[in-house]
N, C-alpha and C. Protein backbone atom coordinates (compact mmCIF):
# COMPACT_ATOMS: atom_id res chain seq x y z
N UNK A 1 41.71 181.37 159.59
CA UNK A 1 42.77 180.51 160.09
C UNK A 1 42.18 179.39 160.94
N UNK A 2 41.17 179.74 161.74
CA UNK A 2 40.53 178.74 162.60
C UNK A 2 39.78 177.70 161.75
N UNK A 3 39.16 178.15 160.67
CA UNK A 3 38.45 177.21 159.78
C UNK A 3 39.43 176.25 159.12
N UNK A 4 40.57 176.79 158.75
CA UNK A 4 41.60 175.94 158.12
C UNK A 4 42.10 174.88 159.09
N UNK A 5 42.31 175.29 160.32
CA UNK A 5 42.76 174.33 161.36
C UNK A 5 41.68 173.29 161.62
N UNK A 6 40.43 173.73 161.69
CA UNK A 6 39.30 172.82 161.92
C UNK A 6 39.18 171.81 160.77
N UNK A 7 39.31 172.26 159.54
CA UNK A 7 39.24 171.38 158.37
C UNK A 7 40.38 170.37 158.39
N UNK A 8 41.54 170.83 158.79
CA UNK A 8 42.71 169.95 158.88
C UNK A 8 42.49 168.86 159.93
N UNK A 9 41.94 169.24 161.09
CA UNK A 9 41.66 168.26 162.15
C UNK A 9 40.59 167.27 161.73
N UNK A 10 39.57 167.75 161.01
CA UNK A 10 38.51 166.86 160.53
C UNK A 10 39.07 165.85 159.52
N UNK A 11 39.97 166.28 158.66
CA UNK A 11 40.60 165.38 157.68
C UNK A 11 41.44 164.33 158.40
N UNK A 12 42.17 164.76 159.43
CA UNK A 12 42.99 163.81 160.20
C UNK A 12 42.08 162.81 160.92
N UNK A 13 40.95 163.30 161.45
CA UNK A 13 40.01 162.41 162.13
C UNK A 13 39.43 161.38 161.16
N UNK A 14 39.06 161.82 159.95
CA UNK A 14 38.54 160.88 158.94
C UNK A 14 39.60 159.84 158.58
N UNK A 15 40.84 160.27 158.45
CA UNK A 15 41.93 159.34 158.11
C UNK A 15 42.11 158.30 159.23
N UNK A 16 42.08 158.76 160.46
CA UNK A 16 42.26 157.84 161.59
C UNK A 16 41.06 156.89 161.71
N UNK A 17 39.88 157.40 161.45
CA UNK A 17 38.67 156.56 161.50
C UNK A 17 38.74 155.47 160.42
N UNK A 18 39.19 155.85 159.22
CA UNK A 18 39.33 154.88 158.14
C UNK A 18 40.38 153.83 158.50
N UNK A 19 41.48 154.28 159.07
CA UNK A 19 42.54 153.36 159.48
C UNK A 19 42.03 152.40 160.57
N UNK A 20 41.31 152.93 161.57
CA UNK A 20 40.75 152.10 162.63
C UNK A 20 39.80 151.06 162.07
N UNK A 21 38.93 151.47 161.13
CA UNK A 21 37.98 150.53 160.54
C UNK A 21 38.70 149.42 159.78
N UNK A 22 39.76 149.77 159.07
CA UNK A 22 40.53 148.76 158.33
C UNK A 22 41.20 147.79 159.30
N UNK A 23 41.75 148.30 160.38
CA UNK A 23 42.39 147.44 161.38
C UNK A 23 41.37 146.54 162.07
N UNK A 24 40.18 147.06 162.34
CA UNK A 24 39.12 146.26 162.97
C UNK A 24 38.70 145.13 162.03
N UNK A 25 38.58 145.43 160.74
CA UNK A 25 38.22 144.40 159.76
C UNK A 25 39.30 143.32 159.72
N UNK A 26 40.56 143.73 159.70
CA UNK A 26 41.66 142.77 159.68
C UNK A 26 41.65 141.91 160.95
N UNK A 27 41.39 142.53 162.09
CA UNK A 27 41.33 141.80 163.35
C UNK A 27 40.19 140.77 163.34
N UNK A 28 39.03 141.19 162.85
CA UNK A 28 37.89 140.27 162.75
C UNK A 28 38.20 139.10 161.82
N UNK A 29 38.84 139.39 160.69
CA UNK A 29 39.22 138.33 159.76
C UNK A 29 40.19 137.34 160.40
N UNK A 30 41.18 137.86 161.12
CA UNK A 30 42.15 136.99 161.78
C UNK A 30 41.49 136.12 162.85
N UNK A 31 40.57 136.70 163.62
CA UNK A 31 39.87 135.92 164.65
C UNK A 31 39.05 134.81 164.00
N UNK A 32 38.37 135.12 162.91
CA UNK A 32 37.57 134.11 162.21
C UNK A 32 38.49 133.02 161.65
N UNK A 33 39.62 133.41 161.05
CA UNK A 33 40.55 132.44 160.47
C UNK A 33 41.14 131.51 161.53
N UNK A 34 41.52 132.05 162.68
CA UNK A 34 42.11 131.20 163.72
C UNK A 34 41.06 130.23 164.26
N UNK A 35 39.82 130.67 164.33
CA UNK A 35 38.75 129.79 164.78
C UNK A 35 38.54 128.64 163.80
N UNK A 36 38.52 128.96 162.51
CA UNK A 36 38.36 127.93 161.48
C UNK A 36 39.55 126.97 161.51
N UNK A 37 40.75 127.51 161.67
CA UNK A 37 41.95 126.68 161.74
C UNK A 37 41.90 125.73 162.93
N UNK A 38 41.50 126.25 164.08
CA UNK A 38 41.39 125.42 165.28
C UNK A 38 40.37 124.31 165.08
N UNK A 39 39.20 124.65 164.55
CA UNK A 39 38.17 123.63 164.33
C UNK A 39 38.62 122.59 163.32
N UNK A 40 39.35 123.01 162.29
CA UNK A 40 39.86 122.07 161.29
C UNK A 40 40.89 121.12 161.93
N UNK A 41 41.78 121.68 162.74
CA UNK A 41 42.79 120.85 163.41
C UNK A 41 42.13 119.86 164.35
N UNK A 42 41.12 120.31 165.08
CA UNK A 42 40.41 119.42 166.01
C UNK A 42 39.71 118.29 165.24
N UNK A 43 39.08 118.62 164.13
CA UNK A 43 38.42 117.59 163.31
C UNK A 43 39.44 116.60 162.76
N UNK A 44 40.60 117.09 162.37
CA UNK A 44 41.65 116.22 161.84
C UNK A 44 42.17 115.27 162.92
N UNK A 45 42.35 115.78 164.13
CA UNK A 45 42.79 114.92 165.23
C UNK A 45 41.74 113.86 165.52
N UNK A 46 40.46 114.25 165.53
CA UNK A 46 39.38 113.28 165.75
C UNK A 46 39.38 112.21 164.66
N UNK A 47 39.58 112.64 163.41
CA UNK A 47 39.61 111.68 162.30
C UNK A 47 40.78 110.71 162.46
N UNK A 48 41.93 111.23 162.83
CA UNK A 48 43.10 110.36 163.01
C UNK A 48 42.91 109.43 164.21
N UNK A 49 42.26 109.90 165.27
CA UNK A 49 41.95 109.03 166.41
C UNK A 49 41.07 107.86 165.96
N UNK A 50 40.07 108.16 165.12
CA UNK A 50 39.20 107.08 164.61
C UNK A 50 40.01 106.11 163.75
N UNK A 51 40.90 106.65 162.90
CA UNK A 51 41.74 105.78 162.06
C UNK A 51 42.64 104.90 162.91
N UNK A 52 43.25 105.47 163.94
CA UNK A 52 44.13 104.70 164.83
C UNK A 52 43.33 103.61 165.53
N UNK A 53 42.15 103.95 166.03
CA UNK A 53 41.32 102.94 166.71
C UNK A 53 40.93 101.83 165.74
N UNK A 54 40.57 102.20 164.51
CA UNK A 54 40.20 101.19 163.51
C UNK A 54 41.39 100.29 163.20
N UNK A 55 42.56 100.88 163.03
CA UNK A 55 43.75 100.08 162.73
C UNK A 55 44.14 99.19 163.91
N UNK A 56 43.99 99.71 165.13
CA UNK A 56 44.28 98.88 166.31
C UNK A 56 43.33 97.69 166.38
N UNK A 57 42.04 97.94 166.08
CA UNK A 57 41.07 96.82 166.07
C UNK A 57 41.43 95.83 164.98
N UNK A 58 41.84 96.35 163.82
CA UNK A 58 42.22 95.49 162.71
C UNK A 58 43.44 94.64 163.08
N UNK A 59 44.44 95.23 163.69
CA UNK A 59 45.64 94.49 164.11
C UNK A 59 45.26 93.46 165.16
N UNK A 60 44.42 93.83 166.11
CA UNK A 60 44.01 92.89 167.16
C UNK A 60 43.25 91.71 166.54
N UNK A 61 42.43 91.99 165.55
CA UNK A 61 41.69 90.93 164.88
C UNK A 61 42.61 90.01 164.11
N UNK A 62 43.60 90.54 163.45
CA UNK A 62 44.58 89.72 162.71
C UNK A 62 45.37 88.87 163.69
N UNK A 63 45.78 89.45 164.81
CA UNK A 63 46.56 88.73 165.81
C UNK A 63 45.75 87.56 166.37
N UNK A 64 44.46 87.74 166.57
CA UNK A 64 43.63 86.66 167.14
C UNK A 64 43.42 85.54 166.14
N UNK A 65 43.47 85.84 164.85
CA UNK A 65 43.23 84.80 163.85
C UNK A 65 44.48 83.99 163.53
N UNK A 66 45.64 84.46 163.99
CA UNK A 66 46.87 83.72 163.72
C UNK A 66 46.92 82.44 164.54
N UNK A 67 47.53 81.41 163.99
CA UNK A 67 47.75 80.20 164.79
C UNK A 67 48.67 80.51 165.97
N UNK A 68 48.59 79.77 167.05
CA UNK A 68 49.41 80.05 168.24
C UNK A 68 50.90 80.18 167.95
N UNK A 69 51.46 79.39 167.03
CA UNK A 69 52.89 79.48 166.71
C UNK A 69 53.24 80.84 166.14
N UNK A 70 52.40 81.36 165.25
CA UNK A 70 52.66 82.67 164.64
C UNK A 70 52.59 83.79 165.68
N UNK A 71 51.65 83.69 166.61
CA UNK A 71 51.52 84.72 167.64
C UNK A 71 52.76 84.78 168.52
N UNK A 72 53.31 83.62 168.85
CA UNK A 72 54.51 83.58 169.69
C UNK A 72 55.68 84.21 168.94
N UNK A 73 55.81 83.92 167.65
CA UNK A 73 56.91 84.49 166.86
C UNK A 73 56.73 86.00 166.75
N UNK A 74 55.51 86.43 166.52
CA UNK A 74 55.24 87.87 166.40
C UNK A 74 55.53 88.57 167.72
N UNK A 75 55.13 87.92 168.82
CA UNK A 75 55.35 88.51 170.14
C UNK A 75 56.84 88.64 170.44
N UNK A 76 57.62 87.63 170.06
CA UNK A 76 59.05 87.70 170.34
C UNK A 76 59.71 88.76 169.49
N UNK A 77 59.23 88.97 168.26
CA UNK A 77 59.78 90.04 167.42
C UNK A 77 59.50 91.39 168.05
N UNK A 78 58.28 91.59 168.57
CA UNK A 78 57.94 92.85 169.21
C UNK A 78 58.80 93.06 170.45
N UNK A 79 59.01 92.01 171.22
CA UNK A 79 59.82 92.14 172.44
C UNK A 79 61.25 92.51 172.10
N UNK A 80 61.81 91.87 171.08
CA UNK A 80 63.20 92.17 170.74
C UNK A 80 63.33 93.59 170.22
N UNK A 81 62.32 94.09 169.50
CA UNK A 81 62.44 95.47 169.01
C UNK A 81 62.31 96.46 170.16
N UNK A 82 61.57 96.10 171.19
CA UNK A 82 61.44 96.98 172.35
C UNK A 82 62.78 97.10 173.07
N UNK A 83 63.55 96.00 173.10
CA UNK A 83 64.84 96.05 173.76
C UNK A 83 65.89 96.73 172.91
N UNK A 84 65.64 96.88 171.63
CA UNK A 84 66.64 97.52 170.77
C UNK A 84 66.68 99.02 170.99
N UNK A 85 65.69 99.53 171.72
CA UNK A 85 65.68 100.96 172.00
C UNK A 85 64.85 101.74 171.01
N UNK A 86 64.52 101.15 169.87
CA UNK A 86 63.77 101.86 168.85
C UNK A 86 62.29 101.87 169.18
N UNK A 87 61.77 100.80 169.76
CA UNK A 87 60.35 100.70 170.03
C UNK A 87 59.62 100.35 168.75
N UNK A 88 58.48 99.69 168.90
CA UNK A 88 57.73 99.32 167.72
C UNK A 88 56.94 100.51 167.22
N UNK A 89 56.54 100.44 165.96
CA UNK A 89 55.75 101.54 165.41
C UNK A 89 54.40 101.62 166.12
N UNK A 90 53.88 100.47 166.60
CA UNK A 90 52.62 100.49 167.36
C UNK A 90 52.80 101.27 168.65
N UNK A 91 53.96 101.07 169.32
CA UNK A 91 54.22 101.80 170.56
C UNK A 91 54.30 103.29 170.31
N UNK A 92 54.98 103.67 169.22
CA UNK A 92 55.09 105.09 168.90
C UNK A 92 53.74 105.67 168.54
N UNK A 93 52.92 104.95 167.78
CA UNK A 93 51.60 105.44 167.40
C UNK A 93 50.72 105.60 168.64
N UNK A 94 50.76 104.63 169.54
CA UNK A 94 49.96 104.72 170.76
C UNK A 94 50.41 105.89 171.60
N UNK A 95 51.73 106.10 171.67
CA UNK A 95 52.27 107.21 172.45
C UNK A 95 51.82 108.53 171.87
N UNK A 96 51.89 108.66 170.53
CA UNK A 96 51.45 109.91 169.89
C UNK A 96 49.96 110.12 170.11
N UNK A 97 49.19 109.06 170.00
CA UNK A 97 47.74 109.18 170.18
C UNK A 97 47.41 109.63 171.60
N UNK A 98 48.08 109.05 172.58
CA UNK A 98 47.78 109.44 173.96
C UNK A 98 48.31 110.83 174.26
N UNK A 99 49.40 111.24 173.60
CA UNK A 99 49.94 112.59 173.81
C UNK A 99 48.94 113.65 173.42
N UNK A 100 48.34 113.54 172.23
CA UNK A 100 47.46 114.61 171.80
C UNK A 100 46.08 114.52 172.44
N UNK A 101 45.71 113.38 172.99
CA UNK A 101 44.42 113.29 173.68
C UNK A 101 44.45 114.03 175.00
N UNK A 102 45.63 114.16 175.60
CA UNK A 102 45.74 114.81 176.90
C UNK A 102 45.82 116.32 176.78
N UNK A 103 45.89 116.84 175.58
CA UNK A 103 46.00 118.30 175.41
C UNK A 103 44.67 118.98 175.53
């Protein structure tokens, strides 16, 4: 009877050990996946920051090449859209860029 009980306990121990090993493997996989996801998201944010900076330089360069009359008209259009409450897409892009840089 004691041998039967001992064999039963050993079988339960093996089952629990197998379960623990499976859970540890799953935990390790999840930790690795979240790390890869974080690094991918960080790289994507860096890439978008570079794109935003490039586009801002491009817009600044186009603005400087415009004749003075065109710059005044463009400036007044931006001002009027700011008063409309919607804000320009440049303002929203700059706001989003500065939001995620502070995180």
